């Protein structure tokens, strides 16, 4: 006899703190994934990466 899998969904109330956190996190990730426009690229000059993030090259 096979066991049947039950699918369940979790509903979060819009008034809850978890829903607000998810909305803020989603907005943040949308902003991070957005490509910068030409004006924004000109305003942010290129900088070198921190030495802790780069490997030594010989």
PDB file of N, CA and C in Angstrom:
ATOM      1  N   UNK A   1       0.835  -1.180   0.000  1.00  0.00           N
ATOM      2  CA  UNK A   1       0.000   0.000   0.000  1.00  0.00           C
ATOM      3  C   UNK A   1       0.880   1.243   0.000  1.00  0.00           C
ATOM      4  N   UNK A   2       0.647   2.144  -0.948  1.00  0.00           N
ATOM      5  CA  UNK A   2       1.429   3.362  -1.050  1.00  0.00           C
ATOM      6  C   UNK A   2       0.867   4.443  -0.140  1.00  0.00           C
ATOM      7  N   UNK A   3       1.779   5.187   0.431  1.00  0.00           N
ATOM      8  CA  UNK A   3       1.345   6.334   1.224  1.00  0.00           C
ATOM      9  C   UNK A   3       1.146   7.516   0.301  1.00  0.00           C
ATOM     10  N   UNK A   4       0.112   8.269   0.526  1.00  0.00           N
ATOM     11  CA  UNK A   4      -0.142   9.451  -0.273  1.00  0.00           C
ATOM     12  C   UNK A   4       0.501  10.657   0.390  1.00  0.00           C
ATOM     13  N   UNK A   5       1.185  11.441  -0.426  1.00  0.00           N
ATOM     14  CA  UNK A   5       1.800  12.655   0.088  1.00  0.00           C
ATOM     15  C   UNK A   5       0.775  13.773   0.092  1.00  0.00           C
ATOM     16  N   UNK A   6       0.753  14.505   1.175  1.00  0.00           N
ATOM     17  CA  UNK A   6      -0.143  15.642   1.256  1.00  0.00           C
ATOM     18  C   UNK A   6       0.665  16.915   1.083  1.00  0.00           C
ATOM     19  N   UNK A   7       0.167  17.799   0.253  1.00  0.00           N
ATOM     20  CA  UNK A   7       0.829  19.083   0.069  1.00  0.00           C
ATOM     21  C   UNK A   7       0.106  20.119   0.899  1.00  0.00           C
ATOM     22  N   UNK A   8       0.900  20.896   1.624  1.00  0.00           N
ATOM     23  CA  UNK A   8       0.323  21.933   2.463  1.00  0.00           C
ATOM     24  C   UNK A   8       0.995  23.251   2.160  1.00  0.00           C
ATOM     25  N   UNK A   9       0.259  24.304   2.269  1.00  0.00           N
ATOM     26  CA  UNK A   9       0.815  25.633   2.069  1.00  0.00           C
ATOM     27  C   UNK A   9       0.688  26.424   3.364  1.00  0.00           C
ATOM     28  N   UNK A  10       1.622  27.324   3.537  1.00  0.00           N
ATOM     29  CA  UNK A  10       1.610  28.178   4.716  1.00  0.00           C
ATOM     30  C   UNK A  10       1.128  29.554   4.288  1.00  0.00           C
ATOM     31  N   UNK A  11       0.122  30.051   4.937  1.00  0.00           N
ATOM     32  CA  UNK A  11      -0.396  31.378   4.640  1.00  0.00           C
ATOM     33  C   UNK A  11       0.024  32.320   5.761  1.00  0.00           C
ATOM     34  N   UNK A  12       0.605  33.436   5.368  1.00  0.00           N
ATOM     35  CA  UNK A  12       1.057  34.419   6.346  1.00  0.00           C
ATOM     36  C   UNK A  12       0.105  35.605   6.303  1.00  0.00           C
ATOM     37  N   UNK A  13      -0.363  36.011   7.454  1.00  0.00           N
ATOM     38  CA  UNK A  13      -1.263  37.158   7.516  1.00  0.00           C
ATOM     39  C   UNK A  13      -0.516  38.432   7.168  1.00  0.00           C
ATOM     40  N   UNK A  14      -1.183  39.326   6.439  1.00  0.00           N
ATOM     41  CA  UNK A  14      -0.541  40.554   6.001  1.00  0.00           C
ATOM     42  C   UNK A  14      -0.233  41.497   7.156  1.00  0.00           C
ATOM     43  N   UNK A  15      -0.883  41.329   8.267  1.00  0.00           N
ATOM     44  CA  UNK A  15      -0.632  42.194   9.412  1.00  0.00           C
ATOM     45  C   UNK A  15       0.587  41.747  10.221  1.00  0.00           C
ATOM     46  N   UNK A  16       1.085  40.554   9.948  1.00  0.00           N
ATOM     47  CA  UNK A  16       2.161  40.004  10.779  1.00  0.00           C
ATOM     48  C   UNK A  16       3.515  40.619  10.430  1.00  0.00           C
ATOM     49  N   UNK A  17       4.419  40.503  11.362  1.00  0.00           N
ATOM     50  CA  UNK A  17       5.770  41.033  11.186  1.00  0.00           C
ATOM     51  C   UNK A  17       6.534  40.228  10.129  1.00  0.00           C
ATOM     52  N   UNK A  18       6.274  38.914  10.043  1.00  0.00           N
ATOM     53  CA  UNK A  18       6.959  38.068   9.061  1.00  0.00           C
ATOM     54  C   UNK A  18       6.607  38.494   7.640  1.00  0.00           C
ATOM     55  N   UNK A  19       5.343  38.869   7.407  1.00  0.00           N
ATOM     56  CA  UNK A  19       4.929  39.303   6.073  1.00  0.00           C
ATOM     57  C   UNK A  19       5.642  40.593   5.701  1.00  0.00           C
ATOM     58  N   UNK A  20       5.746  41.519   6.647  1.00  0.00           N
ATOM     59  CA  UNK A  20       6.429  42.782   6.387  1.00  0.00           C
ATOM     60  C   UNK A  20       7.910  42.549   6.090  1.00  0.00           C
ATOM     61  N   UNK A  21       8.543  41.641   6.831  1.00  0.00           N
ATOM     62  CA  UNK A  21       9.953  41.326   6.591  1.00  0.00           C
ATOM     63  C   UNK A  21      10.147  40.712   5.213  1.00  0.00           C
ATOM     64  N   UNK A  22       9.245  39.828   4.811  1.00  0.00           N
ATOM     65  CA  UNK A  22       9.348  39.220   3.488  1.00  0.00           C
ATOM     66  C   UNK A  22       9.194  40.260   2.390  1.00  0.00           C
ATOM     67  N   UNK A  23       8.306  41.208   2.574  1.00  0.00           N
ATOM     68  CA  UNK A  23       8.107  42.258   1.578  1.00  0.00           C
ATOM     69  C   UNK A  23       9.349  43.136   1.459  1.00  0.00           C
ATOM     70  N   UNK A  24       9.944  43.507   2.591  1.00  0.00           N
ATOM     71  CA  UNK A  24      11.151  44.330   2.563  1.00  0.00           C
ATOM     72  C   UNK A  24      12.318  43.575   1.937  1.00  0.00           C
ATOM     73  N   UNK A  25      12.439  42.287   2.251  1.00  0.00           N
ATOM     74  CA  UNK A  25      13.513  41.482   1.693  1.00  0.00           C
ATOM     75  C   UNK A  25      13.342  41.314   0.186  1.00  0.00           C
ATOM     76  N   UNK A  26      12.106  41.119  -0.257  1.00  0.00           N
ATOM     77  CA  UNK A  26      11.837  41.002  -1.690  1.00  0.00           C
ATOM     78  C   UNK A  26      12.164  42.290  -2.434  1.00  0.00           C
ATOM     79  N   UNK A  27      11.825  43.430  -1.834  1.00  0.00           N
ATOM     80  CA  UNK A  27      12.139  44.715  -2.465  1.00  0.00           C
ATOM     81  C   UNK A  27      13.649  44.922  -2.531  1.00  0.00           C
ATOM     82  N   UNK A  28      14.364  44.521  -1.488  1.00  0.00           N
ATOM     83  CA  UNK A  28      15.820  44.650  -1.471  1.00  0.00           C
ATOM     84  C   UNK A  28      16.460  43.798  -2.562  1.00  0.00           C
ATOM     85  N   UNK A  29      16.022  42.562  -2.710  1.00  0.00           N
ATOM     86  CA  UNK A  29      16.606  41.697  -3.736  1.00  0.00           C
ATOM     87  C   UNK A  29      16.270  42.193  -5.137  1.00  0.00           C
ATOM     88  N   UNK A  30      15.093  42.778  -5.319  1.00  0.00           N
ATOM     89  CA  UNK A  30      14.764  43.364  -6.630  1.00  0.00           C
ATOM     90  C   UNK A  30      15.700  44.516  -6.962  1.00  0.00           C
ATOM     91  N   UNK A  31      16.019  45.355  -5.967  1.00  0.00           N
ATOM     92  CA  UNK A  31      16.932  46.473  -6.205  1.00  0.00           C
ATOM     93  C   UNK A  31      18.342  45.972  -6.495  1.00  0.00           C
ATOM     94  N   UNK A  32      18.774  44.901  -5.836  1.00  0.00           N
ATOM     95  CA  UNK A  32      20.123  44.371  -6.062  1.00  0.00           C
ATOM     96  C   UNK A  32      20.249  43.737  -7.441  1.00  0.00           C
ATOM     97  N   UNK A  33      19.179  43.135  -7.945  1.00  0.00           N
ATOM     98  CA  UNK A  33      19.219  42.476  -9.247  1.00  0.00           C
ATOM     99  C   UNK A  33      19.040  43.441 -10.412  1.00  0.00           C
ATOM    100  N   UNK A  34      18.628  44.661 -10.134  1.00  0.00           N
ATOM    101  CA  UNK A  34      18.365  45.639 -11.191  1.00  0.00           C
ATOM    102  C   UNK A  34      19.677  46.113 -11.798  1.00  0.00           C
ATOM    103  N   UNK A  35      19.705  46.238 -13.103  1.00  0.00           N
ATOM    104  CA  UNK A  35      20.889  46.763 -13.773  1.00  0.00           C
ATOM    105  C   UNK A  35      20.933  48.283 -13.600  1.00  0.00           C
ATOM    106  N   UNK A  36      22.100  48.855 -13.340  1.00  0.00           N
ATOM    107  CA  UNK A  36      22.183  50.310 -13.163  1.00  0.00           C
ATOM    108  C   UNK A  36      21.989  51.034 -14.488  1.00  0.00           C
ATOM    109  N   UNK A  37      21.404  52.225 -14.428  1.00  0.00           N
ATOM    110  CA  UNK A  37      21.252  53.019 -15.644  1.00  0.00           C
ATOM    111  C   UNK A  37      22.529  53.832 -15.883  1.00  0.00           C
ATOM    112  N   UNK A  38      22.596  54.521 -17.009  1.00  0.00           N
ATOM    113  CA  UNK A  38      23.823  55.229 -17.399  1.00  0.00           C
ATOM    114  C   UNK A  38      24.193  56.324 -16.396  1.00  0.00           C
ATOM    115  N   UNK A  39      23.211  57.036 -15.887  1.00  0.00           N
ATOM    116  CA  UNK A  39      23.483  58.103 -14.929  1.00  0.00           C
ATOM    117  C   UNK A  39      24.071  57.543 -13.635  1.00  0.00           C
ATOM    118  N   UNK A  40      23.556  56.420 -13.206  1.00  0.00           N
ATOM    119  CA  UNK A  40      24.039  55.799 -11.972  1.00  0.00           C
ATOM    120  C   UNK A  40      25.471  55.284 -12.133  1.00  0.00           C
ATOM    121  N   UNK A  41      25.796  54.779 -13.316  1.00  0.00           N
ATOM    122  CA  UNK A  41      27.149  54.286 -13.571  1.00  0.00           C
ATOM    123  C   UNK A  41      28.147  55.441 -13.536  1.00  0.00           C
ATOM    124  N   UNK A  42      27.778  56.592 -14.088  1.00  0.00           N
ATOM    125  CA  UNK A  42      28.676  57.741 -14.095  1.00  0.00           C
ATOM    126  C   UNK A  42      28.884  58.301 -12.691  1.00  0.00           C
ATOM    127  N   UNK A  43      27.894  58.208 -11.835  1.00  0.00           N
ATOM    128  CA  UNK A  43      28.007  58.743 -10.474  1.00  0.00           C
ATOM    129  C   UNK A  43      28.856  57.863  -9.569  1.00  0.00           C
ATOM    130  N   UNK A  44      28.961  56.560  -9.874  1.00  0.00           N
ATOM    131  CA  UNK A  44      29.726  55.635  -9.031  1.00  0.00           C
ATOM    132  C   UNK A  44      31.030  55.274  -9.722  1.00  0.00           C
ATOM    133  N   UNK A  45      32.134  55.903  -9.336  1.00  0.00           N
ATOM    134  CA  UNK A  45      33.405  55.560  -9.975  1.00  0.00           C
ATOM    135  C   UNK A  45      33.846  54.152  -9.571  1.00  0.00           C
ATOM    136  N   UNK A  46      34.609  53.532 -10.452  1.00  0.00           N
ATOM    137  CA  UNK A  46      35.093  52.184 -10.150  1.00  0.00           C
ATOM    138  C   UNK A  46      36.143  52.246  -9.052  1.00  0.00           C
ATOM    139  N   UNK A  47      36.104  51.270  -8.177  1.00  0.00           N
ATOM    140  CA  UNK A  47      37.081  51.168  -7.100  1.00  0.00           C
ATOM    141  C   UNK A  47      37.676  49.768  -7.119  1.00  0.00           C
ATOM    142  N   UNK A  48      38.875  49.641  -6.598  1.00  0.00           N
ATOM    143  CA  UNK A  48      39.479  48.323  -6.554  1.00  0.00           C
ATOM    144  C   UNK A  48      38.827  47.495  -5.447  1.00  0.00           C
ATOM    145  N   UNK A  49      38.886  46.185  -5.609  1.00  0.00           N
ATOM    146  CA  UNK A  49      38.303  45.281  -4.628  1.00  0.00           C
ATOM    147  C   UNK A  49      39.159  45.256  -3.367  1.00  0.00           C
ATOM    148  N   UNK A  50      38.548  45.020  -2.208  1.00  0.00           N
ATOM    149  CA  UNK A  50      39.331  44.909  -0.974  1.00  0.00           C
ATOM    150  C   UNK A  50      40.329  43.754  -1.060  1.00  0.00           C
ATOM    151  N   UNK A  51      41.479  43.922  -0.454  1.00  0.00           N
ATOM    152  CA  UNK A  51      42.522  42.900  -0.552  1.00  0.00           C
ATOM    153  C   UNK A  51      42.101  41.585   0.081  1.00  0.00           C
ATOM    154  N   UNK A  52      41.189  41.621   1.035  1.00  0.00           N
ATOM    155  CA  UNK A  52      40.728  40.391   1.663  1.00  0.00           C
ATOM    156  C   UNK A  52      39.911  39.515   0.737  1.00  0.00           C
ATOM    157  N   UNK A  53      39.322  40.106  -0.291  1.00  0.00           N
ATOM    158  CA  UNK A  53      38.494  39.349  -1.217  1.00  0.00           C
ATOM    159  C   UNK A  53      39.258  38.821  -2.427  1.00  0.00           C
ATOM    160  N   UNK A  54      40.465  39.323  -2.640  1.00  0.00           N
ATOM    161  CA  UNK A  54      41.229  38.901  -3.805  1.00  0.00           C
ATOM    162  C   UNK A  54      42.336  37.936  -3.391  1.00  0.00           C
ATOM    163  N   UNK A  55      42.672  37.054  -4.310  1.00  0.00           N
ATOM    164  CA  UNK A  55      43.754  36.097  -4.044  1.00  0.00           C
ATOM    165  C   UNK A  55      45.065  36.685  -4.500  1.00  0.00           C
ATOM    166  N   UNK A  56      46.133  36.168  -3.944  1.00  0.00           N
ATOM    167  CA  UNK A  56      47.455  36.634  -4.357  1.00  0.00           C
ATOM    168  C   UNK A  56      47.801  35.992  -5.698  1.00  0.00           C
ATOM    169  N   UNK A  57      48.326  36.792  -6.617  1.00  0.00           N
ATOM    170  CA  UNK A  57      48.682  36.301  -7.949  1.00  0.00           C
ATOM    171  C   UNK A  57      50.178  36.471  -8.116  1.00  0.00           C
ATOM    172  N   UNK A  58      50.837  35.394  -8.497  1.00  0.00           N
ATOM    173  CA  UNK A  58      52.289  35.458  -8.733  1.00  0.00           C
ATOM    174  C   UNK A  58      52.591  35.049 -10.144  1.00  0.00           C
TER     175      UNK A  58
END
